Amino acid sequence: MGTLLERLRNHDWFYAYSDDHRVWKRGCQALKSLSVDLRQLDCPYDIGDIRMTVQNMILEDFVEEEPNRWYRTPRKYKNVAPTQRHGLIERARAEEILEWITSQKKDDQ
């Protein structure tokens, strides 16, 4: 199935927005499996911080253009939805989390 990092990066973090119940159910099961694996590895990080890390939601790569409306910089497209500050993680914290994830040698069967 791949390394933990691959599984985290390939996970559909937006499954809950799907109108298709099968997609939602598959996403729930995948997240549950990831959560169990992280618990077994005694992961010291919150799943939200892990998500922001693997999705490269790095605070320093964004700019606040309006109050609590952050955009990735440079902005490639005009019509892009903003994110809020709580959806971003500091680079130092993300690097710490990424280092922990890559240090886990367990490959899934």
Protein backbone atom coordinates (compact mmCIF):
# COMPACT_ATOMS: atom_id res chain seq x y z
CA MET A 1 0.00 0.00 0.00
CA GLY A 2 2.96 2.33 0.37
CA THR A 3 4.66 4.34 3.05
CA LEU A 4 2.79 6.31 5.65
CA LEU A 5 3.72 9.55 3.88
CA GLU A 6 2.36 8.26 0.55
CA ARG A 7 -0.86 7.16 2.20
CA LEU A 8 -1.28 10.54 3.88
CA ARG A 9 -0.54 12.47 0.71
CA ASN A 10 -2.87 10.31 -1.38
CA HIS A 11 -5.75 10.34 1.11
CA ASP A 12 -8.89 12.16 -0.08
CA TRP A 13 -9.04 14.78 2.67
CA PHE A 14 -12.23 16.23 1.17
CA TYR A 15 -14.28 13.02 1.01
CA ALA A 16 -16.85 14.48 3.42
CA TYR A 17 -17.93 16.98 0.76
CA SER A 18 -18.88 14.26 -1.71
CA ASP A 19 -22.48 13.74 -2.74
CA ASP A 20 -21.68 10.10 -3.41
CA HIS A 21 -22.18 7.99 -0.29
CA ARG A 22 -19.70 5.40 -1.55
CA VAL A 23 -16.96 8.03 -1.75
CA TRP A 24 -17.86 9.30 1.71
CA LYS A 25 -17.86 5.78 3.17
CA ARG A 26 -14.52 4.90 1.52
CA GLY A 27 -13.02 8.16 2.85
CA CYS A 28 -14.27 7.47 6.37
CA GLN A 29 -12.77 3.99 6.31
CA ALA A 30 -9.45 5.26 4.93
CA LEU A 31 -9.24 7.98 7.59
CA LYS A 32 -10.08 5.47 10.30
CA SER A 33 -7.30 3.19 9.04
CA LEU A 34 -4.82 6.06 8.98
CA SER A 35 -5.85 7.11 12.49
CA VAL A 36 -5.34 3.56 13.81
CA ASP A 37 -1.89 3.39 12.21
CA LEU A 38 -0.93 6.79 13.66
CA ARG A 39 -2.10 5.71 17.12
CA GLN A 40 -0.08 2.48 16.87
CA LEU A 41 2.98 4.57 16.01
CA ASP A 42 2.31 6.82 19.04
CA CYS A 43 1.99 9.83 16.77
CA PRO A 44 2.45 12.99 18.83
CA TYR A 45 0.64 15.19 16.28
CA ASP A 46 -2.96 16.12 15.64
CA ILE A 47 -4.52 14.77 12.42
CA GLY A 48 -5.37 18.35 11.41
CA ASP A 49 -1.72 19.40 11.63
CA ILE A 50 -0.73 16.31 9.66
CA ARG A 51 -3.28 17.18 6.95
CA MET A 52 -1.99 20.73 6.64
CA THR A 53 1.57 19.42 6.43
CA VAL A 54 0.97 16.87 3.68
CA GLN A 55 -1.16 19.34 1.72
CA ASN A 56 1.55 22.04 1.95
CA MET A 57 -0.74 24.53 3.68
CA ILE A 58 2.29 26.44 4.95
CA LEU A 59 1.57 29.83 6.51
CA GLU A 60 4.68 31.43 5.04
CA ASP A 61 3.49 30.55 1.51
CA PHE A 62 0.26 32.51 1.99
CA VAL A 63 -0.58 36.17 2.33
CA GLU A 64 -3.57 37.73 4.10
CA GLU A 65 -5.23 39.92 1.45
CA GLU A 66 -8.33 40.69 3.52
CA PRO A 67 -9.08 40.02 7.19
CA ASN A 68 -8.78 36.24 7.72
CA ARG A 69 -8.71 35.55 3.95
CA TRP A 70 -5.37 33.98 3.11
CA TYR A 71 -4.21 33.25 -0.45
CA ARG A 72 -1.23 31.26 -1.68
CA THR A 73 1.43 33.52 -3.11
CA PRO A 74 2.17 34.02 -5.89
CA ARG A 75 -1.47 33.77 -6.83
CA LYS A 76 -1.78 31.75 -10.05
CA TYR A 77 -5.49 32.21 -10.62
CA LYS A 78 -7.85 35.12 -10.03
CA ASN A 79 -10.84 33.04 -8.87
CA VAL A 80 -9.39 31.01 -6.02
CA ALA A 81 -11.12 30.48 -2.70
CA PRO A 82 -9.21 31.78 0.31
CA THR A 83 -8.37 29.83 3.41
CA GLN A 84 -8.57 30.99 6.98
CA ARG A 85 -5.58 31.32 9.29
CA HIS A 86 -6.55 28.24 11.31
CA GLY A 87 -6.19 26.20 8.10
CA LEU A 88 -2.48 26.99 7.86
CA ILE A 89 0.54 25.63 9.71
CA GLU A 90 3.90 27.28 10.36
CA ARG A 91 6.77 25.95 8.25
CA ALA A 92 8.90 24.94 11.26
CA ARG A 93 6.05 22.88 12.71
CA ALA A 94 5.31 21.28 9.31
CA GLU A 95 8.98 20.35 8.88
CA GLU A 96 8.98 18.77 12.35
CA ILE A 97 5.87 16.74 11.49
CA LEU A 98 7.25 15.73 8.09
CA GLU A 99 10.49 14.59 9.70
CA TRP A 100 8.53 12.42 12.15
CA ILE A 101 6.39 10.92 9.35
CA THR A 102 9.40 10.08 7.17
CA SER A 103 11.22 8.57 10.14
CA GLN A 104 8.50 5.93 10.45
CA LYS A 105 9.86 2.91 8.62
CA LYS A 106 6.65 0.89 8.76
CA ASP A 107 5.33 0.03 5.31
CA ASP A 108 1.74 -1.07 5.08
CA GLN A 109 0.99 -4.57 3.85
